[in-house]
Amino acid sequence: MTTDPATEPRWLQVVRGDAPLLVSFPHGGDDLAGLEPRLVSPWLARKDADWWIERLYDFAADLGATLLRTTVSRTVVDVNRDPSGASLYPGRATTGLCPEATFDGEALYPGGLPLAATEIAERRRDYFDPYHGALAREIARLRARHPRVVLYDAHSIRSRIPRLFPGELPEFNVGSVGGASADPGLVAAIVAPLARAGRSHVVDGRFRGGWITRHYGRPATGVHAVQMELACRAYLDEPAAVTPANWPAPFEAARASGTRDLLREVLQAALDWTRRPPRPHPEATLTLLFAAIPAVSSARRAARSSALAAGSPKRRCGC
């Protein structure tokens, strides 16, 4: 079921499903929201979009997944960044909440002047906050129906961007924030089809998970978040050097079919994992353990006091 446009902004697209799976598309939009006259180049402003990502996953609704997508470009506001402006990758090149340069370091605005704090706050209010309001509501709706929910944050990026990472990315880059945002069993289930297919992949490599994965992934509460960052060559004919004449490459269903079929296996594996009997998450186990310690200590003190009051002979300690 698609949400009523009267209750959500036109740029925010939500398709509701009932399965314990939510697929988020935060970077697939190319709408510059009227910024074109202010930009060095609209092509530069759209250069780093996750091109055709929603078409690659157009089968997800058939699995019962909930889909959430913004049509607004990440140049306007990046809904997968820390809203405070803090870097997700300190010490490394990256882009911010309202990017002022491309991944390759090209200025988006003439003169390279920084955006005013008031404008950044307005963009956050108009686009970032509604996206995350909808995301939080959909997670809560699914979590109320299922003991475990998977938030799958879908991305793609060019295979070679020297400013961001050396060499060539693996085709499939799975991020779980070092295991903090998702159960290891879920990560293993997602990786298994990639390994069987012999496709290059890595877990928690250069891309460990953006703001969405880090903010919402809370395994102890039943919400497991993973990021899938695809190298564009996995589904597009990616040129060695991108120009306005060759980028974005067109989406060709036949070219993308192998990766699309594999991603269907990945999402099905995630769904199958949600239906397995859950194991206690280490965080929850530790919470229960530490909560029990005071009660055990109190019980031992009470037993010791009772024994002394009854005149019990002392017992020799073996420690």
Protein backbone atom coordinates (compact mmCIF):
# COMPACT_ATOMS: atom_id res chain seq x y z
CA MET A 1 0.00 0.00 0.00
CA THR A 2 1.37 3.41 -0.96
CA THR A 3 0.96 6.24 1.51
CA ASP A 4 -1.54 9.00 0.85
CA PRO A 5 0.26 12.01 -0.71
CA ALA A 6 -2.02 14.22 1.37
CA THR A 7 -0.26 13.02 4.53
CA GLU A 8 3.34 12.94 3.26
CA PRO A 9 5.35 15.44 1.16
CA ARG A 10 5.31 14.75 -2.57
CA TRP A 11 9.05 14.06 -2.55
CA LEU A 12 8.71 11.35 0.10
CA GLN A 13 7.55 7.99 -1.22
CA VAL A 14 6.48 5.24 1.15
CA VAL A 15 5.15 1.85 0.10
CA ARG A 16 3.93 -0.10 3.10
CA GLY A 17 4.34 -3.85 3.38
CA ASP A 18 3.71 -6.24 6.24
CA ALA A 19 6.92 -8.29 6.20
CA PRO A 20 9.59 -7.56 8.84
CA LEU A 21 11.77 -5.79 6.27
CA LEU A 22 12.15 -2.09 5.48
CA VAL A 23 14.28 -0.98 2.52
CA SER A 24 15.47 2.62 2.61
CA PHE A 25 16.67 4.56 -0.46
CA PRO A 26 18.17 7.80 0.90
CA HIS A 27 20.32 8.77 -2.11
CA GLY A 28 18.35 7.83 -5.22
CA GLY A 29 16.78 11.25 -5.79
CA ASP A 30 17.87 13.83 -8.37
CA ASP A 31 15.48 16.72 -7.61
CA LEU A 32 17.59 19.80 -6.79
CA ALA A 33 14.64 21.63 -5.20
CA GLY A 34 15.20 24.83 -7.19
CA LEU A 35 18.92 25.15 -6.44
CA GLU A 36 19.99 24.96 -10.09
CA PRO A 37 20.70 28.72 -10.56
CA ARG A 38 23.02 28.73 -7.55
CA LEU A 39 25.08 25.68 -8.48
CA VAL A 40 28.29 25.43 -10.48
CA SER A 41 26.63 22.66 -12.48
CA PRO A 42 23.44 20.64 -12.02
CA TRP A 43 25.33 17.64 -13.45
CA LEU A 44 27.95 17.91 -10.71
CA ALA A 45 25.17 18.20 -8.14
CA ARG A 46 23.66 14.93 -9.35
CA LYS A 47 26.93 13.13 -10.07
CA ASP A 48 27.05 11.21 -6.76
CA ALA A 49 23.45 9.98 -6.75
CA ASP A 50 22.77 6.27 -6.24
CA TRP A 51 21.70 5.94 -9.85
CA TRP A 52 18.73 3.69 -10.65
CA ILE A 53 18.86 2.10 -7.20
CA GLU A 54 15.07 1.90 -6.84
CA ARG A 55 14.82 0.09 -10.21
CA LEU A 56 17.41 -2.42 -9.13
CA TYR A 57 15.29 -3.32 -6.09
CA ASP A 58 11.87 -3.01 -7.73
CA PHE A 59 11.10 -6.61 -6.69
CA ALA A 60 11.30 -5.78 -2.95
CA ALA A 61 7.63 -4.87 -2.61
CA ASP A 62 6.74 -8.34 -3.93
CA LEU A 63 8.53 -9.77 -0.88
CA GLY A 64 6.25 -7.75 1.39
CA ALA A 65 8.93 -5.18 2.24
CA THR A 66 8.19 -1.60 3.16
CA LEU A 67 9.99 0.88 0.89
CA LEU A 68 11.01 4.44 1.78
CA ARG A 69 12.51 6.79 -0.79
CA THR A 70 13.23 10.48 -1.23
CA THR A 71 13.25 12.02 -4.70
CA VAL A 72 15.31 14.97 -3.43
CA SER A 73 19.01 14.99 -4.27
CA ARG A 74 21.60 14.41 -1.57
CA THR A 75 23.06 17.78 -2.64
CA VAL A 76 20.02 19.49 -1.09
CA VAL A 77 20.36 17.51 2.13
CA ASP A 78 21.87 14.13 2.86
CA VAL A 79 19.43 12.18 5.01
CA ASN A 80 22.15 9.61 5.74
CA ARG A 81 24.42 12.03 7.62
CA ASP A 82 24.58 12.99 11.29
CA PRO A 83 22.20 15.95 11.62
CA SER A 84 24.64 17.65 14.00
CA GLY A 85 27.15 17.89 11.17
CA ALA A 86 29.64 15.54 12.85
CA SER A 87 31.66 13.40 10.43
CA LEU A 88 30.76 9.72 10.23
CA TYR A 89 34.35 8.96 9.24
CA PRO A 90 36.64 11.29 11.22
CA GLY A 91 39.97 11.89 9.55
CA ARG A 92 38.72 10.74 6.15
CA ALA A 93 37.33 12.64 3.20
CA THR A 94 33.54 12.54 3.11
CA THR A 95 30.55 14.80 2.48
CA GLY A 96 28.34 16.49 5.03
CA LEU A 97 24.69 17.09 5.81
CA CYS A 98 24.42 19.70 3.05
CA PRO A 99 27.37 18.91 0.76
CA GLU A 100 29.43 21.74 -0.65
CA ALA A 101 31.62 19.50 -2.84
CA THR A 102 31.32 16.25 -4.78
CA PHE A 103 32.98 12.98 -3.75
CA ASP A 104 35.83 14.01 -6.03
CA GLY A 105 36.24 17.35 -4.22
CA GLU A 106 34.71 19.57 -6.91
CA ALA A 107 32.96 22.66 -5.52
CA LEU A 108 29.18 22.64 -5.93
CA TYR A 109 28.72 26.38 -5.33
CA PRO A 110 30.64 29.21 -7.06
CA GLY A 111 33.48 30.53 -4.96
CA GLY A 112 33.35 27.56 -2.59
CA LEU A 113 31.70 29.66 0.12
CA PRO A 114 30.16 27.69 3.00
CA LEU A 115 26.39 27.53 3.32
CA ALA A 116 24.82 29.64 6.04
CA ALA A 117 23.81 27.80 9.22
CA THR A 118 20.25 29.13 8.81
CA GLU A 119 19.93 27.58 5.34
CA ILE A 120 21.26 24.24 6.56
CA ALA A 121 18.72 24.32 9.41
CA GLU A 122 15.90 25.02 6.94
CA ARG A 123 16.89 22.14 4.69
CA ARG A 124 17.08 19.85 7.69
CA ARG A 125 13.60 20.93 8.79
CA ASP A 126 12.07 20.63 5.30
CA TYR A 127 13.63 17.34 4.17
CA PHE A 128 15.78 15.54 6.74
CA ASP A 129 13.28 15.61 9.61
CA PRO A 130 10.27 14.42 7.55
CA TYR A 131 12.29 11.54 6.09
CA HIS A 132 13.38 10.36 9.51
CA GLY A 133 9.94 10.91 10.97
CA ALA A 134 8.52 8.55 8.35
CA LEU A 135 11.37 6.07 8.82
CA ALA A 136 10.87 5.96 12.60
CA ARG A 137 7.11 5.49 12.20
CA GLU A 138 7.51 2.61 9.77
CA ILE A 139 10.07 0.88 11.98
CA ALA A 140 7.72 1.22 14.97
CA ARG A 141 4.78 -0.09 12.92
CA LEU A 142 6.69 -3.19 11.80
CA ARG A 143 8.27 -3.77 15.21
CA ALA A 144 4.80 -3.80 16.78
CA ARG A 145 3.95 -6.75 14.50
CA HIS A 146 7.22 -8.68 14.52
CA PRO A 147 9.77 -9.59 17.21
CA ARG A 148 12.64 -8.77 14.83
CA VAL A 149 12.79 -6.24 12.00
CA VAL A 150 15.51 -5.67 9.40
CA LEU A 151 16.25 -2.16 8.16
CA TYR A 152 18.16 -2.53 4.89
CA ASP A 153 19.73 0.72 3.70
CA ALA A 154 20.31 0.46 -0.06
CA HIS A 155 23.11 2.42 -1.75
CA SER A 156 25.47 2.45 -4.71
CA ILE A 157 28.65 4.32 -5.54
CA ARG A 158 31.20 4.51 -8.32
CA SER A 159 33.80 1.76 -8.07
CA ARG A 160 36.81 4.09 -8.04
CA ILE A 161 36.92 7.41 -6.17
CA PRO A 162 40.54 8.02 -5.09
CA ARG A 163 39.60 10.85 -2.74
CA LEU A 164 37.40 8.49 -0.71
CA PHE A 165 39.18 5.13 -0.94
CA PRO A 166 42.19 3.53 -2.65
CA GLY A 167 41.84 1.16 -5.57
CA GLU A 168 38.57 -0.48 -6.54
CA LEU A 169 35.74 -1.31 -4.17
CA PRO A 170 34.37 -4.85 -3.91
CA GLU A 171 31.04 -5.15 -5.71
CA PHE A 172 29.06 -5.68 -2.48
CA ASN A 173 29.95 -3.72 0.67
CA VAL A 174 27.96 -4.76 3.73
CA GLY A 175 28.02 -2.44 6.74
CA SER A 176 26.96 -3.34 10.28
CA VAL A 177 29.02 -0.76 12.21
CA GLY A 178 31.39 -3.49 13.30
CA GLY A 179 28.51 -5.70 14.43
CA ALA A 180 26.87 -3.02 16.58
CA SER A 181 23.84 -2.43 14.36
CA ALA A 182 22.84 -6.00 13.47
CA ASP A 183 23.05 -9.55 14.77
CA PRO A 184 26.02 -11.49 13.35
CA GLY A 185 23.58 -14.16 12.18
CA LEU A 186 21.81 -11.64 9.96
CA VAL A 187 25.08 -10.43 8.48
CA ALA A 188 26.12 -14.02 7.80
CA ALA A 189 22.76 -14.73 6.12
CA ILE A 190 23.19 -11.69 3.84
CA VAL A 191 26.76 -12.59 2.91
CA ALA A 192 26.07 -16.27 2.19
CA PRO A 193 24.43 -15.76 -1.25
CA LEU A 194 27.25 -13.40 -2.27
CA ALA A 195 29.86 -16.01 -1.34
CA ARG A 196 27.99 -18.79 -3.16
CA ALA A 197 27.82 -16.63 -6.28
CA GLY A 198 31.54 -15.87 -6.12
CA ARG A 199 30.95 -12.13 -6.17
CA SER A 200 33.47 -9.83 -4.50
CA HIS A 201 32.25 -8.57 -1.14
CA VAL A 202 33.39 -7.27 2.22
CA VAL A 203 31.80 -6.71 5.63
CA ASP A 204 32.52 -3.47 7.48
CA GLY A 205 35.18 -2.34 5.05
CA ARG A 206 35.37 1.27 3.87
CA PHE A 207 31.61 1.67 4.32
CA ARG A 208 30.56 0.47 7.77
CA GLY A 209 27.15 2.17 7.76
CA GLY A 210 25.90 5.74 7.61
CA TRP A 211 23.68 7.67 9.98
CA ILE A 212 20.62 5.54 9.23
CA THR A 213 22.36 2.27 10.07
CA ARG A 214 24.07 3.71 13.15
CA HIS A 215 21.05 5.54 14.50
CA TYR A 216 18.35 2.90 14.08
CA GLY A 217 20.26 -0.37 14.42
CA ARG A 218 19.48 -1.54 17.99
CA PRO A 219 19.68 -5.35 18.02
CA ALA A 220 18.78 -5.55 21.72
CA THR A 221 15.40 -3.97 20.90
CA GLY A 222 14.72 -6.16 17.87
CA VAL A 223 15.73 -3.62 15.19
CA HIS A 224 18.66 -4.79 13.05
CA ALA A 225 20.12 -2.37 10.48
CA VAL A 226 22.56 -3.08 7.66
CA GLN A 227 23.86 -0.97 4.81
CA MET A 228 24.47 -2.42 1.38
CA GLU A 229 26.78 -0.26 -0.73
CA LEU A 230 26.99 -1.59 -4.28
CA ALA A 231 29.80 -0.68 -6.61
CA CYS A 232 28.07 0.65 -9.72
CA ARG A 233 29.90 -1.78 -11.99
CA ALA A 234 27.83 -4.54 -10.37
CA TYR A 235 24.81 -3.44 -12.40
CA LEU A 236 25.87 -0.68 -14.83
CA ASP A 237 28.44 -0.27 -17.59
CA GLU A 238 30.54 2.07 -15.51
CA PRO A 239 33.00 4.25 -17.47
CA ALA A 240 36.59 4.59 -16.30
CA ALA A 241 36.15 8.37 -16.08
CA VAL A 242 32.70 9.94 -15.77
CA THR A 243 31.70 12.97 -17.82
CA PRO A 244 28.40 14.68 -18.61
CA ALA A 245 28.40 12.71 -21.86
CA ASN A 246 28.58 9.25 -20.27
CA TRP A 247 27.22 9.55 -16.72
CA PRO A 248 24.90 8.35 -15.48
CA ALA A 249 25.09 5.23 -17.58
CA PRO A 250 21.65 4.03 -18.66
CA PHE A 251 19.91 1.30 -16.72
CA GLU A 252 19.68 -1.85 -18.80
CA ALA A 253 17.57 -4.62 -17.31
CA ALA A 254 19.53 -7.40 -19.03
CA ARG A 255 22.85 -5.98 -17.79
CA ALA A 256 21.55 -5.69 -14.23
CA SER A 257 19.64 -8.99 -14.09
CA GLY A 258 22.36 -11.09 -12.43
CA THR A 259 22.88 -8.61 -9.63
CA ARG A 260 19.15 -8.04 -9.28
CA ASP A 261 18.54 -11.78 -8.88
CA LEU A 262 21.30 -11.99 -6.30
CA LEU A 263 19.87 -9.07 -4.34
CA ARG A 264 16.53 -10.86 -4.28
CA GLU A 265 18.32 -13.79 -2.64
CA VAL A 266 19.93 -11.41 -0.16
CA LEU A 267 16.62 -9.86 0.89
CA GLN A 268 14.95 -13.26 1.07
CA ALA A 269 17.79 -14.49 3.28
CA ALA A 270 17.26 -11.49 5.57
CA LEU A 271 13.55 -12.29 5.80
CA ASP A 272 14.25 -15.96 6.49
CA TRP A 273 16.60 -14.94 9.29
CA THR A 274 13.87 -12.89 11.00
CA ARG A 275 11.74 -16.03 11.27
CA ARG A 276 14.36 -18.08 13.08
CA PRO A 277 14.19 -18.36 16.87
CA PRO A 278 16.10 -15.32 18.16
CA ARG A 279 19.24 -15.74 20.22
CA PRO A 280 19.74 -13.35 23.14
CA HIS A 281 21.82 -10.41 21.99
CA PRO A 282 25.03 -9.99 24.04
CA GLU A 283 23.94 -6.52 25.10
CA ALA A 284 20.65 -7.82 26.45
CA THR A 285 22.36 -10.79 28.14
CA LEU A 286 24.79 -8.50 29.97
CA THR A 287 21.94 -6.27 31.07
CA LEU A 288 20.12 -9.24 32.60
CA LEU A 289 23.33 -10.52 34.20
CA PHE A 290 24.20 -7.25 35.90
CA ALA A 291 20.59 -6.75 36.98
CA ALA A 292 20.69 -10.15 38.72
CA ILE A 293 23.94 -9.53 40.63
CA PRO A 294 22.45 -7.27 43.35
CA ALA A 295 19.60 -9.71 43.96
CA VAL A 296 22.00 -12.66 44.28
CA SER A 297 24.27 -10.70 46.60
CA SER A 298 21.32 -9.67 48.78
CA ALA A 299 20.12 -13.26 49.00
CA ARG A 300 23.58 -14.46 50.05
CA ARG A 301 23.87 -11.77 52.72
CA ALA A 302 20.46 -12.68 54.08
CA ALA A 303 21.36 -16.39 54.23
CA ARG A 304 24.66 -15.59 55.97
CA SER A 305 22.91 -13.42 58.56
CA SER A 306 20.34 -16.14 59.26
CA ALA A 307 23.06 -18.72 59.75
CA LEU A 308 24.96 -16.53 62.20
CA ALA A 309 21.82 -15.74 64.14
CA ALA A 310 21.12 -19.46 64.50
CA GLY A 311 24.60 -20.07 65.93
CA SER A 312 25.89 -22.03 62.97
CA PRO A 313 29.55 -23.11 63.20
CA LYS A 314 31.93 -21.21 60.94
CA ARG A 315 32.80 -22.86 57.64
CA ARG A 316 36.34 -22.77 56.40
CA CYS A 317 36.66 -20.88 53.12
CA GLY A 318 38.36 -22.76 50.35
CA CYS A 319 39.59 -19.63 48.53
